[in-house]
Amino acid sequence: MKSIKPGRGPSMMGGIGSIAAGIFGIIWTIMAAAGGAPPFFALFGVIFIILAVVQAGYHFKNAVGKNRYSSFDITDETEEKDPLAERFFDSKSNTVSNLYDHKKVEFCPYCGTKTENDFQFCKQCGKKLPK
C-alpha cells in the first residue's frame, strides 16, 4: 500500500513555527498578567503555549522519526511503514477504511489522489490505475 507522508523539511519548519508560537504565548501570558488584564487573557496565553508544545512534538517526530504519520510524500510500505495505516488498513482489498461513510477509498499509487473503485484512470495525474 502506498502512503502519503509529510516531507521532513516541511515537518521541521512546522516544528520551528510551533516553537515561535510557544514563545509568542509566553510573551502574551507575561504581558497579560503584568498589565492587569482579566485572568482569561493570561489563560488564553497558557492554552496557546500548550497547543504549541503539542504541535512542536508532532512536527519534530515527523521530521526526525523513522515512522512518520501520513500526509504528503508518497512512500511504499517497504520503504517506511505508516502507523495510521496499521490501524485502519484492510489488507484483503488494499484499501483504507473511510471513517465517515464506511465505504472503501483507494488512492492513486502515483500521486496519492483519492479514487473511486470503478475508476480506471486517476482524475489528478491521468495515469492508469492498477486493479
C-alpha atoms as a PDB file:
ATOM      1  CA  MET A   1       0.000   0.000   0.000  1.00  0.00           C
ATOM      2  CA  LYS A   2       1.235   3.487  -0.808  1.00  0.00           C
ATOM      3  CA  SER A   3       1.156   6.088   1.969  1.00  0.00           C
ATOM      4  CA  ILE A   4       1.345   9.841   1.634  1.00  0.00           C
ATOM      5  CA  LYS A   5       3.786  11.182   4.222  1.00  0.00           C
ATOM      6  CA  PRO A   6       4.850  14.743   5.105  1.00  0.00           C
ATOM      7  CA  GLY A   7       8.301  15.720   3.906  1.00  0.00           C
ATOM      8  CA  ARG A   8      10.961  16.042   6.574  1.00  0.00           C
ATOM      9  CA  GLY A   9      11.658  19.668   5.615  1.00  0.00           C
ATOM     10  CA  PRO A  10       8.055  20.878   5.950  1.00  0.00           C
ATOM     11  CA  SER A  11       7.720  18.977   9.220  1.00  0.00           C
ATOM     12  CA  MET A  12      10.862  20.635  10.610  1.00  0.00           C
ATOM     13  CA  MET A  13       9.553  24.048   9.532  1.00  0.00           C
ATOM     14  CA  GLY A  14       6.238  23.288  11.261  1.00  0.00           C
ATOM     15  CA  GLY A  15       8.171  22.420  14.425  1.00  0.00           C
ATOM     16  CA  ILE A  16      10.137  25.674  14.270  1.00  0.00           C
ATOM     17  CA  GLY A  17       6.882  27.583  13.689  1.00  0.00           C
ATOM     18  CA  SER A  18       5.390  25.856  16.730  1.00  0.00           C
ATOM     19  CA  ILE A  19       8.330  26.978  18.853  1.00  0.00           C
ATOM     20  CA  ALA A  20       7.776  30.550  17.634  1.00  0.00           C
ATOM     21  CA  ALA A  21       4.081  30.249  18.554  1.00  0.00           C
ATOM     22  CA  GLY A  22       5.043  28.975  22.020  1.00  0.00           C
ATOM     23  CA  ILE A  23       7.371  31.955  22.546  1.00  0.00           C
ATOM     24  CA  PHE A  24       4.546  34.263  21.485  1.00  0.00           C
ATOM     25  CA  GLY A  25       2.269  32.514  24.013  1.00  0.00           C
ATOM     26  CA  ILE A  26       4.823  33.041  26.790  1.00  0.00           C
ATOM     27  CA  ILE A  27       5.184  36.733  25.941  1.00  0.00           C
ATOM     28  CA  TRP A  28       1.387  37.088  25.724  1.00  0.00           C
ATOM     29  CA  THR A  29       0.889  35.469  29.141  1.00  0.00           C
ATOM     30  CA  ILE A  30       3.540  37.639  30.800  1.00  0.00           C
ATOM     31  CA  MET A  31       2.179  40.838  29.246  1.00  0.00           C
ATOM     32  CA  ALA A  32      -1.426  39.963  30.159  1.00  0.00           C
ATOM     33  CA  ALA A  33      -0.505  39.138  33.761  1.00  0.00           C
ATOM     34  CA  ALA A  34       1.762  42.177  34.202  1.00  0.00           C
ATOM     35  CA  GLY A  35      -0.674  44.575  32.529  1.00  0.00           C
ATOM     36  CA  GLY A  36      -3.555  43.743  34.857  1.00  0.00           C
ATOM     37  CA  ALA A  37      -5.713  42.202  32.137  1.00  0.00           C
ATOM     38  CA  PRO A  38      -8.590  39.927  33.160  1.00  0.00           C
ATOM     39  CA  PRO A  39      -7.429  36.374  34.006  1.00  0.00           C
ATOM     40  CA  PHE A  40      -8.894  34.798  30.868  1.00  0.00           C
ATOM     41  CA  PHE A  41      -6.340  36.745  28.766  1.00  0.00           C
ATOM     42  CA  ALA A  42      -3.495  35.052  30.636  1.00  0.00           C
ATOM     43  CA  LEU A  43      -5.331  31.709  30.369  1.00  0.00           C
ATOM     44  CA  PHE A  44      -5.502  32.193  26.596  1.00  0.00           C
ATOM     45  CA  GLY A  45      -1.708  32.509  26.562  1.00  0.00           C
ATOM     46  CA  VAL A  46      -1.310  29.297  28.591  1.00  0.00           C
ATOM     47  CA  ILE A  47      -3.602  27.405  26.190  1.00  0.00           C
ATOM     48  CA  PHE A  48      -1.594  28.830  23.278  1.00  0.00           C
ATOM     49  CA  ILE A  49       1.623  27.507  24.863  1.00  0.00           C
ATOM     50  CA  ILE A  50       0.140  24.036  25.423  1.00  0.00           C
ATOM     51  CA  LEU A  51      -1.035  23.804  21.808  1.00  0.00           C
ATOM     52  CA  ALA A  52       2.384  24.961  20.580  1.00  0.00           C
ATOM     53  CA  VAL A  53       4.157  22.268  22.626  1.00  0.00           C
ATOM     54  CA  VAL A  54       1.842  19.528  21.295  1.00  0.00           C
ATOM     55  CA  GLN A  55       2.267  20.667  17.689  1.00  0.00           C
ATOM     56  CA  ALA A  56       6.034  21.003  18.069  1.00  0.00           C
ATOM     57  CA  GLY A  57       6.209  17.427  19.350  1.00  0.00           C
ATOM     58  CA  TYR A  58       4.148  16.170  16.414  1.00  0.00           C
ATOM     59  CA  HIS A  59       6.162  18.069  13.793  1.00  0.00           C
ATOM     60  CA  PHE A  60       9.575  17.181  15.232  1.00  0.00           C
ATOM     61  CA  LYS A  61       8.563  13.491  15.441  1.00  0.00           C
ATOM     62  CA  ASN A  62       7.634  13.596  11.756  1.00  0.00           C
ATOM     63  CA  ALA A  63      10.848  15.455  10.910  1.00  0.00           C
ATOM     64  CA  VAL A  64      13.263  13.052  12.603  1.00  0.00           C
ATOM     65  CA  GLY A  65      11.251   9.904  13.369  1.00  0.00           C
ATOM     66  CA  LYS A  66      11.528   6.627  11.488  1.00  0.00           C
ATOM     67  CA  ASN A  67       7.756   6.018  11.362  1.00  0.00           C
ATOM     68  CA  ARG A  68       6.056   9.254  10.332  1.00  0.00           C
ATOM     69  CA  TYR A  69       2.321   9.896  10.151  1.00  0.00           C
ATOM     70  CA  SER A  70       0.920  10.101   6.617  1.00  0.00           C
ATOM     71  CA  SER A  71       0.231  13.367   4.800  1.00  0.00           C
ATOM     72  CA  PHE A  72       2.293  14.256   1.693  1.00  0.00           C
ATOM     73  CA  ASP A  73       5.291  12.254   0.310  1.00  0.00           C
ATOM     74  CA  ILE A  74       4.303   9.004  -1.395  1.00  0.00           C
ATOM     75  CA  THR A  75       6.210   6.113   0.156  1.00  0.00           C
ATOM     76  CA  ASP A  76       5.862   2.363  -0.124  1.00  0.00           C
ATOM     77  CA  GLU A  77       5.486   0.069   2.899  1.00  0.00           C
ATOM     78  CA  THR A  78       8.871  -1.446   2.008  1.00  0.00           C
ATOM     79  CA  GLU A  79      10.460   1.984   2.497  1.00  0.00           C
ATOM     80  CA  GLU A  80       8.652   3.120   5.617  1.00  0.00           C
ATOM     81  CA  LYS A  81       5.570   1.815   7.410  1.00  0.00           C
ATOM     82  CA  ASP A  82       2.633   4.046   8.292  1.00  0.00           C
ATOM     83  CA  PRO A  83       1.430   3.892  11.926  1.00  0.00           C
ATOM     84  CA  LEU A  84      -2.066   5.069  10.990  1.00  0.00           C
ATOM     85  CA  ALA A  85      -2.399   2.581   8.123  1.00  0.00           C
ATOM     86  CA  GLU A  86      -1.577  -0.251  10.515  1.00  0.00           C
ATOM     87  CA  ARG A  87      -4.711   0.656  12.427  1.00  0.00           C
ATOM     88  CA  PHE A  88      -7.123   1.289   9.525  1.00  0.00           C
ATOM     89  CA  PHE A  89      -5.679  -0.800   6.659  1.00  0.00           C
ATOM     90  CA  ASP A  90      -7.781  -3.550   5.125  1.00  0.00           C
ATOM     91  CA  SER A  91      -5.189  -5.997   3.741  1.00  0.00           C
ATOM     92  CA  LYS A  92      -7.738  -8.052   1.774  1.00  0.00           C
ATOM     93  CA  SER A  93      -8.776  -5.230  -0.551  1.00  0.00           C
ATOM     94  CA  ASN A  94      -5.688  -2.971  -0.277  1.00  0.00           C
ATOM     95  CA  THR A  95      -7.857  -0.033   0.760  1.00  0.00           C
ATOM     96  CA  VAL A  96      -8.113   2.263   3.737  1.00  0.00           C
ATOM     97  CA  SER A  97     -11.463   2.325   5.532  1.00  0.00           C
ATOM     98  CA  ASN A  98     -13.226   5.651   5.321  1.00  0.00           C
ATOM     99  CA  LEU A  99     -14.314   6.537   8.847  1.00  0.00           C
ATOM    100  CA  TYR A 100     -17.264   8.683   7.801  1.00  0.00           C
ATOM    101  CA  ASP A 101     -19.313   6.688   5.336  1.00  0.00           C
ATOM    102  CA  HIS A 102     -17.747   3.223   5.779  1.00  0.00           C
ATOM    103  CA  LYS A 103     -17.011   2.956   2.047  1.00  0.00           C
ATOM    104  CA  LYS A 104     -13.653   1.771   0.787  1.00  0.00           C
ATOM    105  CA  VAL A 105     -11.379   4.516  -0.525  1.00  0.00           C
ATOM    106  CA  GLU A 106      -8.445   3.819  -2.813  1.00  0.00           C
ATOM    107  CA  PHE A 107      -5.536   6.102  -3.623  1.00  0.00           C
ATOM    108  CA  CYS A 108      -3.579   6.603  -6.823  1.00  0.00           C
ATOM    109  CA  PRO A 109      -0.142   4.970  -6.341  1.00  0.00           C
ATOM    110  CA  TYR A 110       1.474   7.723  -8.447  1.00  0.00           C
ATOM    111  CA  CYS A 111       0.105  10.962  -6.974  1.00  0.00           C
ATOM    112  CA  GLY A 112      -1.911   9.887  -3.912  1.00  0.00           C
ATOM    113  CA  THR A 113      -5.270  11.307  -5.025  1.00  0.00           C
ATOM    114  CA  LYS A 114      -8.413   9.560  -3.730  1.00  0.00           C
ATOM    115  CA  THR A 115     -10.058   7.416  -6.401  1.00  0.00           C
ATOM    116  CA  GLU A 116     -13.319   5.522  -6.706  1.00  0.00           C
ATOM    117  CA  ASN A 117     -13.367   1.735  -7.010  1.00  0.00           C
ATOM    118  CA  ASP A 118     -14.664   1.883 -10.580  1.00  0.00           C
ATOM    119  CA  PHE A 119     -12.086   4.420 -11.862  1.00  0.00           C
ATOM    120  CA  GLN A 120      -9.655   3.136 -14.484  1.00  0.00           C
ATOM    121  CA  PHE A 121      -7.554   6.315 -14.622  1.00  0.00           C
ATOM    122  CA  CYS A 122      -6.537   8.826 -11.940  1.00  0.00           C
ATOM    123  CA  LYS A 123      -8.551  12.046 -12.107  1.00  0.00           C
ATOM    124  CA  GLN A 124      -5.486  14.067 -10.984  1.00  0.00           C
ATOM    125  CA  CYS A 125      -2.464  12.700 -12.901  1.00  0.00           C
ATOM    126  CA  GLY A 126      -4.295  10.687 -15.614  1.00  0.00           C
ATOM    127  CA  LYS A 127      -2.236   7.506 -15.188  1.00  0.00           C
ATOM    128  CA  LYS A 128      -3.875   4.093 -15.490  1.00  0.00           C
ATOM    129  CA  LEU A 129      -4.766   2.703 -12.069  1.00  0.00           C
ATOM    130  CA  PRO A 130      -3.750  -0.875 -11.208  1.00  0.00           C
ATOM    131  CA  LYS A 131      -6.644  -3.216 -10.354  1.00  0.00           C
END
